[in-house]
Amino acid sequence: MAKLYFRYGAMNSGKSTGLLQVAFNYEERGQRVLLAKPLLDTKGDSAIVSRLGMTREADFLIRPGEPVRGHFAELAAGVDPDALLEQVEVQPVACLLVDEAQFLDPAQVDDLFRIAVLDDVPVLAYGIRTDFRTEAFPGARRLLEIAHSLEELKTICRCGRKAVFNTRRVGSDIVFDGDQVAIDGQDVWYESFCGTCYLQASGGRLGV
């Protein structure tokens, strides 16, 4: 039986880089992989983007509320549901790789579990556990509940300690209020902090 893996870490811990490396490793050995990410992640549009500069188009985008398993099955079988192409004989999928998995809803994470267990295709989901207020994303919470394997990807705080939290910045200011989701870009960006530095920046505040 294949497994559902959740590889998580704070911002800048190399999640997307790791995903792209895994895809390369499979394909170097002649294996077929599918890459997906939530439509909610607008950074890079339809591409998975690593902070090291590596970029690759996702094979499909996961729309809010969309069942994932059916879409995966169509692509795995060589069917393009958008273009209504006829099914063609294709190589079986050896692995499904999902970036920014924290943006999935719990039902979509359950579908990832079904793909692993019922379809016998390993699923590697990459994402962060908590938002800038230390509150869990719904998708990450569900992954922590049901994934067969949990692996933390580590990075460091500005002080040199292990970073575990994400802080949101607007310009040069660290903010602790706002919507849970704000994709980093020109106006909003994120920095990973250890627990000590996070509490110092927040005045001892955790959560909303």
N, C-alpha and C. Protein backbone atom coordinates (compact mmCIF):
# COMPACT_ATOMS: atom_id res chain seq x y z
N MET A 1 0.84 -1.20 0.00
CA MET A 1 0.00 0.00 0.00
C MET A 1 0.87 1.24 0.00
N ALA A 2 0.56 2.19 -0.88
CA ALA A 2 1.26 3.47 -0.91
C ALA A 2 0.85 4.32 0.29
N LYS A 3 1.59 5.38 0.53
CA LYS A 3 1.36 6.23 1.70
C LYS A 3 1.18 7.70 1.31
N LEU A 4 0.55 8.43 2.23
CA LEU A 4 0.45 9.88 2.15
C LEU A 4 1.51 10.48 3.07
N TYR A 5 2.37 11.30 2.49
CA TYR A 5 3.45 11.94 3.24
C TYR A 5 3.16 13.43 3.36
N PHE A 6 3.43 14.00 4.54
CA PHE A 6 3.35 15.45 4.70
C PHE A 6 4.72 15.96 5.13
N ARG A 7 5.33 16.72 4.25
CA ARG A 7 6.62 17.33 4.53
C ARG A 7 6.39 18.81 4.74
N TYR A 8 6.60 19.26 5.97
CA TYR A 8 6.23 20.62 6.35
C TYR A 8 7.43 21.37 6.92
N GLY A 9 7.32 22.68 6.88
CA GLY A 9 8.36 23.51 7.46
C GLY A 9 7.97 24.96 7.38
N ALA A 10 8.69 25.81 8.08
CA ALA A 10 8.47 27.25 8.02
C ALA A 10 8.86 27.77 6.64
N MET A 11 8.54 29.02 6.37
CA MET A 11 8.93 29.62 5.10
C MET A 11 10.44 29.52 4.93
N ASN A 12 10.85 29.34 3.68
CA ASN A 12 12.28 29.27 3.32
C ASN A 12 12.94 27.99 3.80
N SER A 13 12.18 26.94 4.03
CA SER A 13 12.78 25.68 4.46
C SER A 13 13.02 24.73 3.28
N GLY A 14 12.79 25.20 2.06
CA GLY A 14 13.11 24.40 0.89
C GLY A 14 12.04 23.43 0.46
N LYS A 15 10.78 23.73 0.77
CA LYS A 15 9.71 22.79 0.44
C LYS A 15 9.54 22.62 -1.07
N SER A 16 9.39 23.72 -1.78
CA SER A 16 9.21 23.62 -3.23
C SER A 16 10.46 23.09 -3.91
N THR A 17 11.61 23.47 -3.42
CA THR A 17 12.86 22.94 -3.96
C THR A 17 12.91 21.43 -3.79
N GLY A 18 12.53 20.96 -2.60
CA GLY A 18 12.52 19.53 -2.34
C GLY A 18 11.54 18.80 -3.24
N LEU A 19 10.37 19.38 -3.45
CA LEU A 19 9.37 18.77 -4.33
C LEU A 19 9.92 18.62 -5.75
N LEU A 20 10.53 19.68 -6.27
CA LEU A 20 11.05 19.63 -7.63
C LEU A 20 12.21 18.64 -7.74
N GLN A 21 12.98 18.51 -6.67
CA GLN A 21 14.07 17.53 -6.67
C GLN A 21 13.52 16.11 -6.72
N VAL A 22 12.46 15.86 -5.94
CA VAL A 22 11.83 14.53 -5.96
C VAL A 22 11.29 14.21 -7.35
N ALA A 23 10.64 15.20 -7.99
CA ALA A 23 10.13 14.98 -9.34
C ALA A 23 11.26 14.63 -10.30
N PHE A 24 12.37 15.35 -10.19
CA PHE A 24 13.54 15.07 -11.04
C PHE A 24 14.06 13.66 -10.80
N ASN A 25 14.13 13.26 -9.53
CA ASN A 25 14.65 11.93 -9.21
C ASN A 25 13.81 10.82 -9.83
N TYR A 26 12.47 10.97 -9.72
CA TYR A 26 11.58 9.97 -10.31
C TYR A 26 11.77 9.91 -11.83
N GLU A 27 11.77 11.07 -12.46
CA GLU A 27 11.82 11.12 -13.91
C GLU A 27 13.18 10.68 -14.44
N GLU A 28 14.23 10.92 -13.68
CA GLU A 28 15.56 10.47 -14.09
C GLU A 28 15.60 8.95 -14.19
N ARG A 29 14.73 8.28 -13.43
CA ARG A 29 14.66 6.82 -13.43
C ARG A 29 13.53 6.30 -14.31
N GLY A 30 13.02 7.18 -15.18
CA GLY A 30 12.01 6.76 -16.14
C GLY A 30 10.61 6.65 -15.59
N GLN A 31 10.36 7.24 -14.40
CA GLN A 31 9.05 7.17 -13.78
C GLN A 31 8.23 8.43 -14.10
N ARG A 32 6.93 8.26 -14.16
CA ARG A 32 6.03 9.39 -14.43
C ARG A 32 5.48 9.95 -13.13
N VAL A 33 5.51 11.27 -13.01
CA VAL A 33 4.94 11.94 -11.84
C VAL A 33 3.93 12.98 -12.30
N LEU A 34 3.02 13.33 -11.41
CA LEU A 34 2.12 14.45 -11.62
C LEU A 34 2.35 15.47 -10.51
N LEU A 35 2.37 16.74 -10.89
CA LEU A 35 2.56 17.83 -9.95
C LEU A 35 1.30 18.67 -9.88
N ALA A 36 0.90 19.04 -8.67
CA ALA A 36 -0.31 19.84 -8.49
C ALA A 36 -0.09 20.89 -7.43
N LYS A 37 -0.90 21.93 -7.48
CA LYS A 37 -0.90 22.93 -6.42
C LYS A 37 -2.27 23.59 -6.38
N PRO A 38 -2.65 24.17 -5.23
CA PRO A 38 -3.95 24.83 -5.14
C PRO A 38 -4.00 26.08 -6.02
N LEU A 39 -5.14 26.32 -6.63
CA LEU A 39 -5.35 27.53 -7.42
C LEU A 39 -5.15 28.77 -6.56
N LEU A 40 -5.40 28.64 -5.26
CA LEU A 40 -5.27 29.76 -4.33
C LEU A 40 -3.85 30.32 -4.29
N ASP A 41 -2.88 29.47 -4.59
CA ASP A 41 -1.48 29.92 -4.60
C ASP A 41 -1.19 30.59 -5.93
N THR A 42 -1.28 31.91 -5.97
CA THR A 42 -1.13 32.65 -7.22
C THR A 42 0.31 32.99 -7.55
N LYS A 43 1.24 32.74 -6.64
CA LYS A 43 2.64 33.01 -6.93
C LYS A 43 3.11 32.07 -8.04
N GLY A 44 3.61 32.63 -9.12
CA GLY A 44 4.04 31.82 -10.24
C GLY A 44 2.90 31.39 -11.14
N ASP A 45 1.71 31.92 -10.92
CA ASP A 45 0.53 31.54 -11.70
C ASP A 45 0.34 30.02 -11.63
N SER A 46 0.47 29.33 -12.75
CA SER A 46 0.24 27.89 -12.76
C SER A 46 1.52 27.09 -12.53
N ALA A 47 2.61 27.77 -12.18
CA ALA A 47 3.89 27.09 -11.99
C ALA A 47 4.21 26.93 -10.51
N ILE A 48 4.99 25.91 -10.22
CA ILE A 48 5.57 25.73 -8.89
C ILE A 48 6.92 26.42 -8.91
N VAL A 49 7.12 27.34 -7.97
CA VAL A 49 8.30 28.19 -8.00
C VAL A 49 9.11 27.99 -6.73
N SER A 50 10.39 27.69 -6.91
CA SER A 50 11.32 27.57 -5.79
C SER A 50 12.03 28.90 -5.58
N ARG A 51 12.34 29.20 -4.34
CA ARG A 51 13.07 30.43 -4.05
C ARG A 51 14.50 30.40 -4.59
N LEU A 52 14.98 29.22 -4.97
CA LEU A 52 16.30 29.11 -5.60
C LEU A 52 16.25 29.44 -7.08
N GLY A 53 15.02 29.67 -7.60
CA GLY A 53 14.89 30.06 -9.00
C GLY A 53 14.40 28.95 -9.91
N MET A 54 14.24 27.74 -9.40
CA MET A 54 13.71 26.66 -10.21
C MET A 54 12.20 26.81 -10.37
N THR A 55 11.70 26.54 -11.56
CA THR A 55 10.28 26.70 -11.87
C THR A 55 9.82 25.54 -12.75
N ARG A 56 8.60 25.07 -12.48
CA ARG A 56 8.03 24.02 -13.32
C ARG A 56 6.51 24.16 -13.30
N GLU A 57 5.91 24.02 -14.47
CA GLU A 57 4.46 24.09 -14.57
C GLU A 57 3.82 22.92 -13.83
N ALA A 58 2.77 23.21 -13.08
CA ALA A 58 1.99 22.14 -12.44
C ALA A 58 1.17 21.42 -13.51
N ASP A 59 0.95 20.14 -13.32
CA ASP A 59 0.13 19.38 -14.25
C ASP A 59 -1.35 19.71 -14.08
N PHE A 60 -1.73 20.08 -12.86
CA PHE A 60 -3.10 20.55 -12.67
C PHE A 60 -3.18 21.41 -11.42
N LEU A 61 -4.14 22.34 -11.44
CA LEU A 61 -4.41 23.22 -10.32
C LEU A 61 -5.65 22.72 -9.59
N ILE A 62 -5.61 22.76 -8.28
CA ILE A 62 -6.72 22.28 -7.46
C ILE A 62 -7.59 23.47 -7.06
N ARG A 63 -8.79 23.50 -7.58
CA ARG A 63 -9.69 24.61 -7.29
C ARG A 63 -10.38 24.40 -5.94
N PRO A 64 -10.74 25.50 -5.26
CA PRO A 64 -11.42 25.36 -3.97
C PRO A 64 -12.68 24.50 -4.09
N GLY A 65 -12.80 23.52 -3.20
CA GLY A 65 -13.97 22.67 -3.18
C GLY A 65 -13.99 21.57 -4.23
N GLU A 66 -13.00 21.53 -5.10
CA GLU A 66 -12.97 20.54 -6.18
C GLU A 66 -12.49 19.19 -5.66
N PRO A 67 -13.20 18.09 -5.95
CA PRO A 67 -12.68 16.78 -5.59
C PRO A 67 -11.38 16.51 -6.33
N VAL A 68 -10.37 16.09 -5.62
CA VAL A 68 -9.05 15.92 -6.20
C VAL A 68 -8.90 14.55 -6.87
N ARG A 69 -9.49 13.53 -6.28
CA ARG A 69 -9.23 12.17 -6.76
C ARG A 69 -9.73 11.95 -8.19
N GLY A 70 -10.90 12.49 -8.51
CA GLY A 70 -11.43 12.32 -9.85
C GLY A 70 -10.57 13.00 -10.90
N HIS A 71 -10.12 14.21 -10.60
CA HIS A 71 -9.26 14.95 -11.52
C HIS A 71 -7.94 14.21 -11.71
N PHE A 72 -7.39 13.72 -10.60
CA PHE A 72 -6.14 12.96 -10.67
C PHE A 72 -6.33 11.72 -11.54
N ALA A 73 -7.44 11.00 -11.36
CA ALA A 73 -7.67 9.76 -12.11
C ALA A 73 -7.75 10.02 -13.61
N GLU A 74 -8.39 11.14 -14.00
CA GLU A 74 -8.50 11.46 -15.41
C GLU A 74 -7.12 11.73 -16.02
N LEU A 75 -6.31 12.51 -15.33
CA LEU A 75 -4.98 12.82 -15.84
C LEU A 75 -4.08 11.59 -15.82
N ALA A 76 -4.20 10.78 -14.78
CA ALA A 76 -3.38 9.58 -14.68
C ALA A 76 -3.69 8.62 -15.82
N ALA A 77 -4.95 8.63 -16.28
CA ALA A 77 -5.36 7.74 -17.36
C ALA A 77 -5.11 8.34 -18.74
N GLY A 78 -4.62 9.58 -18.78
CA GLY A 78 -4.34 10.22 -20.06
C GLY A 78 -5.51 10.97 -20.62
N VAL A 79 -6.42 11.43 -19.76
CA VAL A 79 -7.59 12.18 -20.20
C VAL A 79 -7.43 13.62 -19.74
N ASP A 80 -7.62 14.56 -20.66
CA ASP A 80 -7.62 15.98 -20.33
C ASP A 80 -9.07 16.42 -20.16
N PRO A 81 -9.55 16.60 -18.92
CA PRO A 81 -10.97 16.90 -18.72
C PRO A 81 -11.38 18.27 -19.26
N ASP A 82 -10.42 19.19 -19.40
CA ASP A 82 -10.75 20.51 -19.91
C ASP A 82 -10.88 20.50 -21.44
N ALA A 83 -10.00 19.75 -22.10
CA ALA A 83 -10.04 19.70 -23.55
C ALA A 83 -10.92 18.57 -24.08
N LEU A 84 -11.40 17.72 -23.19
CA LEU A 84 -12.26 16.59 -23.56
C LEU A 84 -11.57 15.68 -24.58
N LEU A 85 -10.29 15.42 -24.33
CA LEU A 85 -9.55 14.53 -25.22
C LEU A 85 -9.92 13.09 -24.94
N GLU A 86 -9.79 12.26 -25.96
CA GLU A 86 -10.02 10.84 -25.76
C GLU A 86 -8.89 10.24 -24.94
N GLN A 87 -9.21 9.18 -24.23
CA GLN A 87 -8.20 8.51 -23.42
C GLN A 87 -7.15 7.87 -24.32
N VAL A 88 -5.90 8.01 -23.92
CA VAL A 88 -4.79 7.39 -24.63
C VAL A 88 -4.00 6.55 -23.64
N GLU A 89 -3.29 5.58 -24.16
CA GLU A 89 -2.50 4.72 -23.30
C GLU A 89 -1.26 5.48 -22.83
N VAL A 90 -1.09 5.56 -21.53
CA VAL A 90 0.03 6.31 -20.96
C VAL A 90 0.69 5.49 -19.87
N GLN A 91 1.87 5.93 -19.50
CA GLN A 91 2.60 5.28 -18.42
C GLN A 91 1.90 5.52 -17.09
N PRO A 92 1.84 4.53 -16.21
CA PRO A 92 1.22 4.73 -14.89
C PRO A 92 1.94 5.83 -14.11
N VAL A 93 1.21 6.48 -13.24
CA VAL A 93 1.79 7.52 -12.39
C VAL A 93 2.47 6.86 -11.20
N ALA A 94 3.73 7.21 -10.98
CA ALA A 94 4.50 6.64 -9.87
C ALA A 94 4.35 7.44 -8.61
N CYS A 95 3.98 8.73 -8.72
CA CYS A 95 3.91 9.58 -7.53
C CYS A 95 3.13 10.85 -7.86
N LEU A 96 2.34 11.32 -6.90
CA LEU A 96 1.67 12.62 -6.99
C LEU A 96 2.35 13.56 -5.99
N LEU A 97 2.78 14.72 -6.48
CA LEU A 97 3.45 15.72 -5.66
C LEU A 97 2.58 16.97 -5.57
N VAL A 98 2.30 17.42 -4.36
CA VAL A 98 1.40 18.56 -4.15
C VAL A 98 2.13 19.65 -3.38
N ASP A 99 2.22 20.83 -3.97
CA ASP A 99 2.86 21.97 -3.33
C ASP A 99 1.82 22.82 -2.63
N GLU A 100 2.25 23.57 -1.60
CA GLU A 100 1.38 24.49 -0.85
C GLU A 100 0.11 23.79 -0.37
N ALA A 101 0.28 22.59 0.17
CA ALA A 101 -0.87 21.76 0.54
C ALA A 101 -1.68 22.34 1.69
N GLN A 102 -1.13 23.31 2.42
CA GLN A 102 -1.89 23.91 3.51
C GLN A 102 -3.14 24.63 3.00
N PHE A 103 -3.16 24.99 1.72
CA PHE A 103 -4.29 25.71 1.15
C PHE A 103 -5.42 24.79 0.70
N LEU A 104 -5.24 23.49 0.79
CA LEU A 104 -6.33 22.56 0.48
C LEU A 104 -7.36 22.57 1.60
N ASP A 105 -8.58 22.16 1.28
CA ASP A 105 -9.56 21.99 2.35
C ASP A 105 -9.48 20.55 2.86
N PRO A 106 -10.01 20.26 4.05
CA PRO A 106 -9.89 18.92 4.62
C PRO A 106 -10.40 17.81 3.72
N ALA A 107 -11.49 18.03 3.00
CA ALA A 107 -12.02 17.00 2.11
C ALA A 107 -11.04 16.69 0.98
N GLN A 108 -10.32 17.68 0.52
CA GLN A 108 -9.32 17.45 -0.53
C GLN A 108 -8.13 16.66 0.01
N VAL A 109 -7.76 16.91 1.25
CA VAL A 109 -6.70 16.11 1.88
C VAL A 109 -7.16 14.67 2.02
N ASP A 110 -8.42 14.47 2.37
CA ASP A 110 -8.96 13.11 2.44
C ASP A 110 -8.84 12.42 1.09
N ASP A 111 -9.03 13.15 0.00
CA ASP A 111 -8.88 12.58 -1.33
C ASP A 111 -7.42 12.17 -1.59
N LEU A 112 -6.47 12.95 -1.09
CA LEU A 112 -5.06 12.57 -1.23
C LEU A 112 -4.81 11.24 -0.53
N PHE A 113 -5.42 11.07 0.64
CA PHE A 113 -5.30 9.81 1.37
C PHE A 113 -5.88 8.65 0.55
N ARG A 114 -7.03 8.87 -0.09
CA ARG A 114 -7.66 7.83 -0.91
C ARG A 114 -6.79 7.48 -2.11
N ILE A 115 -6.16 8.48 -2.72
CA ILE A 115 -5.27 8.21 -3.85
C ILE A 115 -4.14 7.29 -3.42
N ALA A 116 -3.59 7.56 -2.24
CA ALA A 116 -2.49 6.72 -1.75
C ALA A 116 -2.98 5.30 -1.42
N VAL A 117 -4.07 5.21 -0.67
CA VAL A 117 -4.51 3.90 -0.15
C VAL A 117 -5.28 3.10 -1.19
N LEU A 118 -6.24 3.73 -1.85
CA LEU A 118 -7.10 2.99 -2.78
C LEU A 118 -6.51 2.86 -4.18
N ASP A 119 -5.78 3.89 -4.62
CA ASP A 119 -5.19 3.86 -5.96
C ASP A 119 -3.73 3.41 -5.94
N ASP A 120 -3.19 3.25 -4.75
CA ASP A 120 -1.82 2.75 -4.56
C ASP A 120 -0.78 3.63 -5.24
N VAL A 121 -0.98 4.95 -5.14
CA VAL A 121 -0.01 5.92 -5.68
C VAL A 121 0.51 6.77 -4.52
N PRO A 122 1.80 6.77 -4.26
CA PRO A 122 2.33 7.61 -3.18
C PRO A 122 2.01 9.08 -3.43
N VAL A 123 1.63 9.78 -2.37
CA VAL A 123 1.33 11.20 -2.44
C VAL A 123 2.26 11.94 -1.48
N LEU A 124 3.03 12.88 -2.01
CA LEU A 124 3.92 13.70 -1.19
C LEU A 124 3.38 15.12 -1.19
N ALA A 125 2.88 15.55 -0.03
CA ALA A 125 2.31 16.89 0.11
C ALA A 125 3.30 17.77 0.89
N TYR A 126 3.54 18.95 0.36
CA TYR A 126 4.47 19.90 0.98
C TYR A 126 3.71 21.15 1.39
N GLY A 127 4.02 21.67 2.59
CA GLY A 127 3.34 22.88 3.01
C GLY A 127 3.83 23.36 4.36
N ILE A 128 3.16 24.38 4.87
CA ILE A 128 3.46 24.92 6.20
C ILE A 128 2.33 24.58 7.15
N ARG A 129 2.65 24.46 8.42
CA ARG A 129 1.64 24.09 9.41
C ARG A 129 0.75 25.26 9.79
N THR A 130 1.35 26.40 10.09
CA THR A 130 0.60 27.49 10.71
C THR A 130 0.80 28.81 9.96
N ASP A 131 -0.15 29.70 10.15
CA ASP A 131 -0.07 31.01 9.52
C ASP A 131 0.75 31.97 10.38
N PHE A 132 0.71 33.25 10.02
CA PHE A 132 1.51 34.26 10.71
C PHE A 132 1.03 34.54 12.13
N ARG A 133 -0.14 34.00 12.48
CA ARG A 133 -0.67 34.15 13.84
C ARG A 133 -0.51 32.87 14.65
N THR A 134 0.22 31.91 14.10
CA THR A 134 0.46 30.58 14.70
C THR A 134 -0.79 29.72 14.71
N GLU A 135 -1.78 30.03 13.88
CA GLU A 135 -2.99 29.24 13.76
C GLU A 135 -2.83 28.25 12.60
N ALA A 136 -3.27 27.01 12.80
CA ALA A 136 -3.10 25.99 11.78
C ALA A 136 -3.99 26.27 10.57
N PHE A 137 -3.43 26.04 9.38
CA PHE A 137 -4.25 26.04 8.17
C PHE A 137 -5.11 24.78 8.17
N PRO A 138 -6.35 24.85 7.67
CA PRO A 138 -7.21 23.66 7.67
C PRO A 138 -6.59 22.47 6.95
N GLY A 139 -5.96 22.71 5.80
CA GLY A 139 -5.35 21.60 5.08
C GLY A 139 -4.19 20.98 5.83
N ALA A 140 -3.37 21.83 6.45
CA ALA A 140 -2.24 21.32 7.23
C ALA A 140 -2.72 20.54 8.44
N ARG A 141 -3.76 21.04 9.09
CA ARG A 141 -4.29 20.34 10.27
C ARG A 141 -4.75 18.93 9.89
N ARG A 142 -5.45 18.83 8.74
CA ARG A 142 -5.93 17.51 8.33
C ARG A 142 -4.77 16.59 7.95
N LEU A 143 -3.77 17.13 7.31
CA LEU A 143 -2.60 16.33 6.97
C LEU A 143 -1.90 15.82 8.22
N LEU A 144 -1.79 16.65 9.23
CA LEU A 144 -1.17 16.21 10.48
C LEU A 144 -2.00 15.11 11.14
N GLU A 145 -3.30 15.12 10.89
CA GLU A 145 -4.18 14.12 11.49
C GLU A 145 -4.10 12.76 10.79
N ILE A 146 -3.97 12.75 9.45
CA ILE A 146 -4.15 11.48 8.74
C ILE A 146 -2.96 11.02 7.91
N ALA A 147 -1.96 11.85 7.71
CA ALA A 147 -0.82 11.41 6.89
C ALA A 147 -0.11 10.22 7.53
N HIS A 148 0.33 9.30 6.71
CA HIS A 148 1.08 8.15 7.23
C HIS A 148 2.44 8.56 7.78
N SER A 149 3.04 9.57 7.14
CA SER A 149 4.39 9.97 7.50
C SER A 149 4.48 11.48 7.58
N LEU A 150 5.08 11.99 8.65
CA LEU A 150 5.30 13.42 8.86
C LEU A 150 6.80 13.68 8.90
N GLU A 151 7.23 14.67 8.12
CA GLU A 151 8.65 15.01 8.10
C GLU A 151 8.80 16.53 8.15
N GLU A 152 9.56 17.01 9.12
CA GLU A 152 9.80 18.44 9.24
C GLU A 152 11.03 18.83 8.44
N LEU A 153 10.86 19.86 7.59
CA LEU A 153 11.97 20.43 6.85
C LEU A 153 12.44 21.67 7.60
N LYS A 154 13.67 21.73 7.96
CA LYS A 154 14.16 22.74 8.90
C LYS A 154 14.80 23.92 8.18
N THR A 155 14.67 25.08 8.81
CA THR A 155 15.37 26.28 8.40
C THR A 155 15.73 27.07 9.65
N ILE A 156 16.44 28.18 9.49
CA ILE A 156 16.91 28.91 10.66
C ILE A 156 16.32 30.31 10.72
N CYS A 157 16.22 30.80 11.93
CA CYS A 157 15.80 32.16 12.24
C CYS A 157 16.98 33.10 12.01
N ARG A 158 16.73 34.39 12.00
CA ARG A 158 17.79 35.38 11.85
C ARG A 158 18.82 35.29 12.98
N CYS A 159 18.39 34.74 14.14
CA CYS A 159 19.30 34.64 15.28
C CYS A 159 20.14 33.37 15.23
N GLY A 160 19.83 32.49 14.28
CA GLY A 160 20.58 31.25 14.16
C GLY A 160 19.89 30.04 14.75
N ARG A 161 18.81 30.26 15.54
CA ARG A 161 18.08 29.12 16.08
C ARG A 161 17.16 28.53 15.00
N LYS A 162 16.62 27.36 15.29
CA LYS A 162 15.68 26.73 14.39
C LYS A 162 14.41 27.57 14.29
N ALA A 163 13.97 27.86 13.08
CA ALA A 163 12.75 28.64 12.87
C ALA A 163 11.54 27.72 12.85
N VAL A 164 10.48 28.13 13.54
CA VAL A 164 9.26 27.32 13.60
C VAL A 164 8.01 28.11 13.23
N PHE A 165 8.08 29.45 13.27
CA PHE A 165 6.91 30.28 13.00
C PHE A 165 7.18 31.18 11.79
N ASN A 166 6.08 31.66 11.20
CA ASN A 166 6.17 32.57 10.07
C ASN A 166 5.61 33.93 10.47
N THR A 167 6.35 34.97 10.21
CA THR A 167 5.84 36.32 10.46
C THR A 167 5.51 36.98 9.13
N ARG A 168 4.43 37.75 9.14
CA ARG A 168 4.02 38.48 7.93
C ARG A 168 4.50 39.92 8.03
N ARG A 169 5.05 40.39 6.94
CA ARG A 169 5.49 41.78 6.87
C ARG A 169 4.76 42.49 5.74
N VAL A 170 4.38 43.72 6.03
CA VAL A 170 3.86 44.62 5.01
C VAL A 170 4.84 45.78 4.96
N GLY A 171 5.60 45.84 3.89
CA GLY A 171 6.72 46.77 3.87
C GLY A 171 7.76 46.29 4.86
N SER A 172 8.14 47.18 5.79
CA SER A 172 9.12 46.81 6.81
C SER A 172 8.47 46.44 8.14
N ASP A 173 7.13 46.50 8.22
CA ASP A 173 6.43 46.28 9.47
C ASP A 173 5.95 44.84 9.60
N ILE A 174 6.17 44.24 10.77
CA ILE A 174 5.60 42.93 11.08
C ILE A 174 4.17 43.14 11.54
N VAL A 175 3.22 42.39 10.96
CA VAL A 175 1.81 42.55 11.31
C VAL A 175 1.28 41.24 11.88
N PHE A 176 0.28 41.36 12.75
CA PHE A 176 -0.32 40.18 13.38
C PHE A 176 -1.83 40.15 13.20
N ASP A 177 -2.35 40.98 12.33
CA ASP A 177 -3.77 41.00 12.02
C ASP A 177 -3.95 40.92 10.51
N GLY A 178 -5.09 40.37 10.09
CA GLY A 178 -5.38 40.28 8.67
C GLY A 178 -5.90 38.90 8.31
N ASP A 179 -6.22 38.73 7.03
CA ASP A 179 -6.73 37.45 6.55
C ASP A 179 -5.67 36.37 6.69
N GLN A 180 -6.12 35.13 6.83
CA GLN A 180 -5.16 34.04 7.00
C GLN A 180 -4.29 33.87 5.77
N VAL A 181 -4.86 34.08 4.59
CA VAL A 181 -4.12 33.87 3.36
C VAL A 181 -3.79 35.21 2.70
N ALA A 182 -2.53 35.46 2.49
CA ALA A 182 -2.04 36.58 1.69
C ALA A 182 -0.75 36.11 1.05
N ILE A 183 -0.78 35.91 -0.27
CA ILE A 183 0.37 35.34 -0.98
C ILE A 183 1.50 36.37 -1.01
N ASP A 184 2.71 35.91 -0.71
CA ASP A 184 3.84 36.84 -0.68
C ASP A 184 4.12 37.35 -2.08
N GLY A 185 4.46 38.62 -2.12
CA GLY A 185 4.71 39.28 -3.40
C GLY A 185 5.31 40.65 -3.16
N GLN A 186 4.83 41.63 -3.91
CA GLN A 186 5.44 42.95 -3.86
C GLN A 186 5.19 43.65 -2.52
N ASP A 187 3.97 43.55 -1.98
CA ASP A 187 3.62 44.28 -0.77
C ASP A 187 3.71 43.44 0.49
N VAL A 188 3.48 42.15 0.37
CA VAL A 188 3.47 41.25 1.53
C VAL A 188 4.60 40.24 1.38
N TRP A 189 5.36 40.04 2.46
CA TRP A 189 6.38 39.01 2.44
C TRP A 189 6.49 38.41 3.83
N TYR A 190 7.21 37.31 3.94
CA TYR A 190 7.24 36.54 5.17
C TYR A 190 8.68 36.27 5.60
N GLU A 191 8.85 36.16 6.92
CA GLU A 191 10.14 35.80 7.48
C GLU A 191 9.94 34.75 8.56
N SER A 192 10.79 33.75 8.56
CA SER A 192 10.69 32.65 9.53
C SER A 192 11.42 33.03 10.81
N PHE A 193 10.76 32.80 11.95
CA PHE A 193 11.32 33.13 13.26
C PHE A 193 11.34 31.90 14.16
N CYS A 194 12.28 31.87 15.08
CA CYS A 194 12.22 30.91 16.18
C CYS A 194 11.17 31.37 17.18
N GLY A 195 10.87 30.54 18.17
CA GLY A 195 9.86 30.90 19.16
C GLY A 195 10.22 32.15 19.94
N THR A 196 11.48 32.28 20.32
CA THR A 196 11.92 33.44 21.10
C THR A 196 11.75 34.73 20.32
N CYS A 197 12.24 34.76 19.09
CA CYS A 197 12.15 35.97 18.29
C CYS A 197 10.70 36.31 17.94
N TYR A 198 9.86 35.27 17.75
CA TYR A 198 8.45 35.53 17.46
C TYR A 198 7.78 36.21 18.65
N LEU A 199 8.01 35.69 19.84
CA LEU A 199 7.40 36.29 21.02
C LEU A 199 7.90 37.70 21.28
N GLN A 200 9.17 37.93 21.00
CA GLN A 200 9.69 39.28 21.17
C GLN A 200 9.03 40.24 20.19
N ALA A 201 8.84 39.80 18.95
CA ALA A 201 8.23 40.66 17.93
C ALA A 201 6.76 40.89 18.20
N SER A 202 6.08 39.89 18.77
CA SER A 202 4.63 39.99 18.98
C SER A 202 4.27 40.52 20.37
N GLY A 203 5.26 40.82 21.17
CA GLY A 203 4.96 41.25 22.54
C GLY A 203 4.39 40.14 23.38
N GLY A 204 4.78 38.92 23.09
CA GLY A 204 4.29 37.77 23.85
C GLY A 204 3.01 37.18 23.32
N ARG A 205 2.53 37.69 22.21
CA ARG A 205 1.23 37.27 21.67
C ARG A 205 1.39 36.00 20.84
N LEU A 206 0.45 35.07 21.02
CA LEU A 206 0.33 33.86 20.20
C LEU A 206 -1.12 33.73 19.79
N GLY A 207 -1.35 33.45 18.52
CA GLY A 207 -2.74 33.25 18.07
C GLY A 207 -3.45 34.57 17.84
N VAL A 208 -4.75 34.45 17.53
CA VAL A 208 -5.56 35.63 17.22
C VAL A 208 -5.99 36.34 18.49
